[in-house]
């Protein structure tokens, strides 16, 4: 799959710090893209909206918290 990200509007959390260790997210309509804010020209992960919603649901429920 080749998704054009040239017109993507990237956003990062308001809770991000100035140290640059953040991810940025772009809503592309049919897809959601995620990239490393320290490397904006690097690769991005691309998900369907359903996949992204499942990830967010898991994060909210603590499924990725370290024990």
PDB file of N, CA and C in Angstrom:
ATOM      1  N   UNK A   1       0.848  -1.169   0.000  1.00  0.00           N
ATOM      2  CA  UNK A   1       0.000   0.000   0.000  1.00  0.00           C
ATOM      3  C   UNK A   1       0.897   1.235   0.000  1.00  0.00           C
ATOM      4  N   UNK A   2       0.632   2.153  -0.885  1.00  0.00           N
ATOM      5  CA  UNK A   2       1.403   3.386  -0.970  1.00  0.00           C
ATOM      6  C   UNK A   2       0.455   4.556  -0.729  1.00  0.00           C
ATOM      7  N   UNK A   3       0.568   5.188   0.420  1.00  0.00           N
ATOM      8  CA  UNK A   3      -0.302   6.298   0.809  1.00  0.00           C
ATOM      9  C   UNK A   3       0.480   7.597   0.679  1.00  0.00           C
ATOM     10  N   UNK A   4      -0.095   8.573  -0.018  1.00  0.00           N
ATOM     11  CA  UNK A   4       0.543   9.878  -0.180  1.00  0.00           C
ATOM     12  C   UNK A   4       0.363  10.693   1.105  1.00  0.00           C
ATOM     13  N   UNK A   5       1.461  10.994   1.777  1.00  0.00           N
ATOM     14  CA  UNK A   5       1.417  11.762   3.029  1.00  0.00           C
ATOM     15  C   UNK A   5       1.844  13.214   2.842  1.00  0.00           C
ATOM     16  N   UNK A   6       2.045  13.632   1.604  1.00  0.00           N
ATOM     17  CA  UNK A   6       2.583  14.975   1.348  1.00  0.00           C
ATOM     18  C   UNK A   6       1.636  16.087   1.805  1.00  0.00           C
ATOM     19  N   UNK A   7       0.352  15.829   1.843  1.00  0.00           N
ATOM     20  CA  UNK A   7      -0.617  16.848   2.266  1.00  0.00           C
ATOM     21  C   UNK A   7      -1.163  16.592   3.674  1.00  0.00           C
ATOM     22  N   UNK A   8      -0.586  15.638   4.374  1.00  0.00           N
ATOM     23  CA  UNK A   8      -1.071  15.291   5.711  1.00  0.00           C
ATOM     24  C   UNK A   8      -0.863  16.444   6.683  1.00  0.00           C
ATOM     25  N   UNK A   9      -1.832  16.639   7.543  1.00  0.00           N
ATOM     26  CA  UNK A   9      -1.720  17.630   8.619  1.00  0.00           C
ATOM     27  C   UNK A   9      -1.420  16.864   9.898  1.00  0.00           C
ATOM     28  N   UNK A  10      -0.184  16.973  10.356  1.00  0.00           N
ATOM     29  CA  UNK A  10       0.288  16.201  11.501  1.00  0.00           C
ATOM     30  C   UNK A  10      -0.015  16.928  12.800  1.00  0.00           C
ATOM     31  N   UNK A  11      -0.373  16.159  13.817  1.00  0.00           N
ATOM     32  CA  UNK A  11      -0.696  16.710  15.137  1.00  0.00           C
ATOM     33  C   UNK A  11      -0.014  15.868  16.204  1.00  0.00           C
ATOM     34  N   UNK A  12       0.427  16.541  17.273  1.00  0.00           N
ATOM     35  CA  UNK A  12       0.938  15.793  18.423  1.00  0.00           C
ATOM     36  C   UNK A  12       0.225  16.276  19.671  1.00  0.00           C
ATOM     37  N   UNK A  13       0.304  15.500  20.696  1.00  0.00           N
ATOM     38  CA  UNK A  13      -0.412  15.772  21.931  1.00  0.00           C
ATOM     39  C   UNK A  13       0.011  17.100  22.542  1.00  0.00           C
ATOM     40  N   UNK A  14      -0.954  17.778  23.126  1.00  0.00           N
ATOM     41  CA  UNK A  14      -0.655  19.002  23.862  1.00  0.00           C
ATOM     42  C   UNK A  14       0.189  18.698  25.096  1.00  0.00           C
ATOM     43  N   UNK A  15       0.232  17.441  25.510  1.00  0.00           N
ATOM     44  CA  UNK A  15       1.024  17.033  26.671  1.00  0.00           C
ATOM     45  C   UNK A  15       2.470  16.732  26.301  1.00  0.00           C
ATOM     46  N   UNK A  16       2.807  16.872  25.022  1.00  0.00           N
ATOM     47  CA  UNK A  16       4.176  16.611  24.573  1.00  0.00           C
ATOM     48  C   UNK A  16       5.133  17.631  25.176  1.00  0.00           C
ATOM     49  N   UNK A  17       6.350  17.184  25.391  1.00  0.00           N
ATOM     50  CA  UNK A  17       7.367  18.088  25.930  1.00  0.00           C
ATOM     51  C   UNK A  17       8.274  18.566  24.807  1.00  0.00           C
ATOM     52  N   UNK A  18       9.127  19.516  25.101  1.00  0.00           N
ATOM     53  CA  UNK A  18      10.032  20.082  24.101  1.00  0.00           C
ATOM     54  C   UNK A  18      11.213  19.163  23.784  1.00  0.00           C
ATOM     55  N   UNK A  19      11.312  18.024  24.464  1.00  0.00           N
ATOM     56  CA  UNK A  19      12.445  17.127  24.227  1.00  0.00           C
ATOM     57  C   UNK A  19      12.337  16.381  22.910  1.00  0.00           C
ATOM     58  N   UNK A  20      11.164  16.402  22.297  1.00  0.00           N
ATOM     59  CA  UNK A  20      11.003  15.810  20.976  1.00  0.00           C
ATOM     60  C   UNK A  20      10.726  14.328  20.955  1.00  0.00           C
ATOM     61  N   UNK A  21      10.522  13.701  22.077  1.00  0.00           N
ATOM     62  CA  UNK A  21      10.246  12.268  22.104  1.00  0.00           C
ATOM     63  C   UNK A  21       8.764  11.983  21.945  1.00  0.00           C
ATOM     64  N   UNK A  22       8.192  12.380  20.826  1.00  0.00           N
ATOM     65  CA  UNK A  22       6.749  12.281  20.641  1.00  0.00           C
ATOM     66  C   UNK A  22       6.406  11.591  19.329  1.00  0.00           C
ATOM     67  N   UNK A  23       5.174  11.204  19.225  1.00  0.00           N
ATOM     68  CA  UNK A  23       4.652  10.737  17.950  1.00  0.00           C
ATOM     69  C   UNK A  23       3.662  11.780  17.446  1.00  0.00           C
ATOM     70  N   UNK A  24       3.498  11.806  16.136  1.00  0.00           N
ATOM     71  CA  UNK A  24       2.522  12.682  15.511  1.00  0.00           C
ATOM     72  C   UNK A  24       1.530  11.811  14.752  1.00  0.00           C
ATOM     73  N   UNK A  25       0.283  12.282  14.693  1.00  0.00           N
ATOM     74  CA  UNK A  25      -0.783  11.535  14.051  1.00  0.00           C
ATOM     75  C   UNK A  25      -1.434  12.425  12.994  1.00  0.00           C
ATOM     76  N   UNK A  26      -1.773  11.822  11.861  1.00  0.00           N
ATOM     77  CA  UNK A  26      -2.496  12.532  10.806  1.00  0.00           C
ATOM     78  C   UNK A  26      -3.730  11.725  10.431  1.00  0.00           C
ATOM     79  N   UNK A  27      -4.887  12.375  10.463  1.00  0.00           N
ATOM     80  CA  UNK A  27      -6.132  11.745  10.026  1.00  0.00           C
ATOM     81  C   UNK A  27      -6.252  11.973   8.528  1.00  0.00           C
ATOM     82  N   UNK A  28      -6.186  10.899   7.767  1.00  0.00           N
ATOM     83  CA  UNK A  28      -6.227  10.986   6.310  1.00  0.00           C
ATOM     84  C   UNK A  28      -7.593  10.596   5.753  1.00  0.00           C
ATOM     85  N   UNK A  29      -8.578  10.461   6.617  1.00  0.00           N
ATOM     86  CA  UNK A  29      -9.905  10.042   6.178  1.00  0.00           C
ATOM     87  C   UNK A  29     -10.004   8.527   6.120  1.00  0.00           C
ATOM     88  N   UNK A  30      -9.508   7.934   5.046  1.00  0.00           N
ATOM     89  CA  UNK A  30      -9.560   6.484   4.881  1.00  0.00           C
ATOM     90  C   UNK A  30      -8.445   5.774   5.638  1.00  0.00           C
ATOM     91  N   UNK A  31      -7.510   6.539   6.195  1.00  0.00           N
ATOM     92  CA  UNK A  31      -6.380   5.975   6.930  1.00  0.00           C
ATOM     93  C   UNK A  31      -5.966   6.935   8.047  1.00  0.00           C
ATOM     94  N   UNK A  32      -5.198   6.418   8.990  1.00  0.00           N
ATOM     95  CA  UNK A  32      -4.585   7.220  10.047  1.00  0.00           C
ATOM     96  C   UNK A  32      -3.096   6.908  10.007  1.00  0.00           C
ATOM     97  N   UNK A  33      -2.276   7.961   9.954  1.00  0.00           N
ATOM     98  CA  UNK A  33      -0.826   7.782   9.886  1.00  0.00           C
ATOM     99  C   UNK A  33      -0.186   8.234  11.188  1.00  0.00           C
ATOM    100  N   UNK A  34       0.892   7.555  11.567  1.00  0.00           N
ATOM    101  CA  UNK A  34       1.628   7.870  12.793  1.00  0.00           C
ATOM    102  C   UNK A  34       3.107   7.919  12.442  1.00  0.00           C
ATOM    103  N   UNK A  35       3.801   8.941  12.946  1.00  0.00           N
ATOM    104  CA  UNK A  35       5.237   9.061  12.688  1.00  0.00           C
ATOM    105  C   UNK A  35       5.955   9.578  13.923  1.00  0.00           C
ATOM    106  N   UNK A  36       7.269   9.452  13.912  1.00  0.00           N
ATOM    107  CA  UNK A  36       8.142   9.945  14.976  1.00  0.00           C
ATOM    108  C   UNK A  36       8.367  11.436  14.742  1.00  0.00           C
ATOM    109  N   UNK A  37       8.057  12.258  15.733  1.00  0.00           N
ATOM    110  CA  UNK A  37       8.203  13.707  15.564  1.00  0.00           C
ATOM    111  C   UNK A  37       9.659  14.136  15.377  1.00  0.00           C
ATOM    112  N   UNK A  38      10.603  13.308  15.843  1.00  0.00           N
ATOM    113  CA  UNK A  38      12.022  13.644  15.672  1.00  0.00           C
ATOM    114  C   UNK A  38      12.514  13.361  14.256  1.00  0.00           C
ATOM    115  N   UNK A  39      11.732  12.595  13.491  1.00  0.00           N
ATOM    116  CA  UNK A  39      12.137  12.203  12.144  1.00  0.00           C
ATOM    117  C   UNK A  39      10.952  12.368  11.188  1.00  0.00           C
ATOM    118  N   UNK A  40      10.521  13.618  10.926  1.00  0.00           N
ATOM    119  CA  UNK A  40       9.316  13.836  10.125  1.00  0.00           C
ATOM    120  C   UNK A  40       9.424  13.370   8.671  1.00  0.00           C
ATOM    121  N   UNK A  41      10.615  13.190   8.164  1.00  0.00           N
ATOM    122  CA  UNK A  41      10.750  12.700   6.791  1.00  0.00           C
ATOM    123  C   UNK A  41      10.963  11.189   6.747  1.00  0.00           C
ATOM    124  N   UNK A  42      10.987  10.578   7.908  1.00  0.00           N
ATOM    125  CA  UNK A  42      11.172   9.133   7.989  1.00  0.00           C
ATOM    126  C   UNK A  42       9.884   8.388   7.718  1.00  0.00           C
ATOM    127  N   UNK A  43       9.886   7.099   7.986  1.00  0.00           N
ATOM    128  CA  UNK A  43       8.713   6.275   7.695  1.00  0.00           C
ATOM    129  C   UNK A  43       7.544   6.585   8.631  1.00  0.00           C
ATOM    130  N   UNK A  44       6.362   6.268   8.156  1.00  0.00           N
ATOM    131  CA  UNK A  44       5.153   6.417   8.954  1.00  0.00           C
ATOM    132  C   UNK A  44       4.417   5.084   8.956  1.00  0.00           C
ATOM    133  N   UNK A  45       3.749   4.799  10.047  1.00  0.00           N
ATOM    134  CA  UNK A  45       2.866   3.644  10.121  1.00  0.00           C
ATOM    135  C   UNK A  45       1.482   4.106   9.693  1.00  0.00           C
ATOM    136  N   UNK A  46       0.794   3.297   8.902  1.00  0.00           N
ATOM    137  CA  UNK A  46      -0.524   3.665   8.404  1.00  0.00           C
ATOM    138  C   UNK A  46      -1.527   2.587   8.806  1.00  0.00           C
ATOM    139  N   UNK A  47      -2.640   3.035   9.367  1.00  0.00           N
ATOM    140  CA  UNK A  47      -3.681   2.138   9.870  1.00  0.00           C
ATOM    141  C   UNK A  47      -5.028   2.498   9.264  1.00  0.00           C
ATOM    142  N   UNK A  48      -5.940   1.537   9.250  1.00  0.00           N
ATOM    143  CA  UNK A  48      -7.319   1.861   8.923  1.00  0.00           C
ATOM    144  C   UNK A  48      -7.925   2.552  10.146  1.00  0.00           C
ATOM    145  N   UNK A  49      -9.010   3.292   9.967  1.00  0.00           N
ATOM    146  CA  UNK A  49      -9.651   3.895  11.143  1.00  0.00           C
ATOM    147  C   UNK A  49     -10.060   2.856  12.190  1.00  0.00           C
ATOM    148  N   UNK A  50     -10.504   1.678  11.753  1.00  0.00           N
ATOM    149  CA  UNK A  50     -10.882   0.629  12.707  1.00  0.00           C
ATOM    150  C   UNK A  50      -9.672   0.154  13.509  1.00  0.00           C
ATOM    151  N   UNK A  51      -8.554  -0.067  12.836  1.00  0.00           N
ATOM    152  CA  UNK A  51      -7.337  -0.485  13.542  1.00  0.00           C
ATOM    153  C   UNK A  51      -6.913   0.573  14.554  1.00  0.00           C
ATOM    154  N   UNK A  52      -6.983   1.833  14.154  1.00  0.00           N
ATOM    155  CA  UNK A  52      -6.591   2.936  15.046  1.00  0.00           C
ATOM    156  C   UNK A  52      -7.530   2.997  16.252  1.00  0.00           C
ATOM    157  N   UNK A  53      -8.839   2.859  16.017  1.00  0.00           N
ATOM    158  CA  UNK A  53      -9.799   2.866  17.127  1.00  0.00           C
ATOM    159  C   UNK A  53      -9.523   1.728  18.099  1.00  0.00           C
ATOM    160  N   UNK A  54      -9.178   0.549  17.582  1.00  0.00           N
ATOM    161  CA  UNK A  54      -8.849  -0.591  18.443  1.00  0.00           C
ATOM    162  C   UNK A  54      -7.600  -0.306  19.278  1.00  0.00           C
ATOM    163  N   UNK A  55      -6.603   0.313  18.658  1.00  0.00           N
ATOM    164  CA  UNK A  55      -5.388   0.682  19.398  1.00  0.00           C
ATOM    165  C   UNK A  55      -5.726   1.671  20.516  1.00  0.00           C
ATOM    166  N   UNK A  56      -6.485   2.709  20.188  1.00  0.00           N
ATOM    167  CA  UNK A  56      -6.841   3.706  21.202  1.00  0.00           C
ATOM    168  C   UNK A  56      -7.651   3.087  22.338  1.00  0.00           C
ATOM    169  N   UNK A  57      -8.565   2.194  21.993  1.00  0.00           N
ATOM    170  CA  UNK A  57      -9.360   1.513  23.012  1.00  0.00           C
ATOM    171  C   UNK A  57      -8.456   0.704  23.946  1.00  0.00           C
ATOM    172  N   UNK A  58      -7.508  -0.018  23.367  1.00  0.00           N
ATOM    173  CA  UNK A  58      -6.570  -0.794  24.181  1.00  0.00           C
ATOM    174  C   UNK A  58      -5.716   0.093  25.074  1.00  0.00           C
ATOM    175  N   UNK A  59      -5.276   1.239  24.537  1.00  0.00           N
ATOM    176  CA  UNK A  59      -4.465   2.166  25.334  1.00  0.00           C
ATOM    177  C   UNK A  59      -5.274   2.724  26.500  1.00  0.00           C
ATOM    178  N   UNK A  60      -6.531   3.068  26.236  1.00  0.00           N
ATOM    179  CA  UNK A  60      -7.394   3.596  27.306  1.00  0.00           C
ATOM    180  C   UNK A  60      -7.629   2.562  28.406  1.00  0.00           C
ATOM    181  N   UNK A  61      -7.697   1.297  28.008  1.00  0.00           N
ATOM    182  CA  UNK A  61      -7.946   0.226  28.976  1.00  0.00           C
ATOM    183  C   UNK A  61      -6.667  -0.269  29.663  1.00  0.00           C
ATOM    184  N   UNK A  62      -5.520   0.308  29.297  1.00  0.00           N
ATOM    185  CA  UNK A  62      -4.269  -0.062  29.940  1.00  0.00           C
ATOM    186  C   UNK A  62      -3.638  -1.344  29.420  1.00  0.00           C
ATOM    187  N   UNK A  63      -4.083  -1.802  28.257  1.00  0.00           N
ATOM    188  CA  UNK A  63      -3.570  -3.071  27.715  1.00  0.00           C
ATOM    189  C   UNK A  63      -2.076  -3.033  27.401  1.00  0.00           C
ATOM    190  N   UNK A  64      -1.516  -1.856  27.251  1.00  0.00           N
ATOM    191  CA  UNK A  64      -0.107  -1.742  26.889  1.00  0.00           C
ATOM    192  C   UNK A  64       0.757  -1.278  28.056  1.00  0.00           C
ATOM    193  N   UNK A  65       0.145  -1.119  29.227  1.00  0.00           N
ATOM    194  CA  UNK A  65       0.902  -0.691  30.403  1.00  0.00           C
ATOM    195  C   UNK A  65       1.877  -1.792  30.812  1.00  0.00           C
ATOM    196  N   UNK A  66       3.046  -1.370  31.230  1.00  0.00           N
ATOM    197  CA  UNK A  66       4.033  -2.348  31.696  1.00  0.00           C
ATOM    198  C   UNK A  66       3.658  -2.778  33.101  1.00  0.00           C
ATOM    199  N   UNK A  67       3.913  -4.034  33.380  1.00  0.00           N
ATOM    200  CA  UNK A  67       3.575  -4.590  34.698  1.00  0.00           C
ATOM    201  C   UNK A  67       4.772  -4.509  35.603  1.00  0.00           C
TER     202      UNK A  67
END
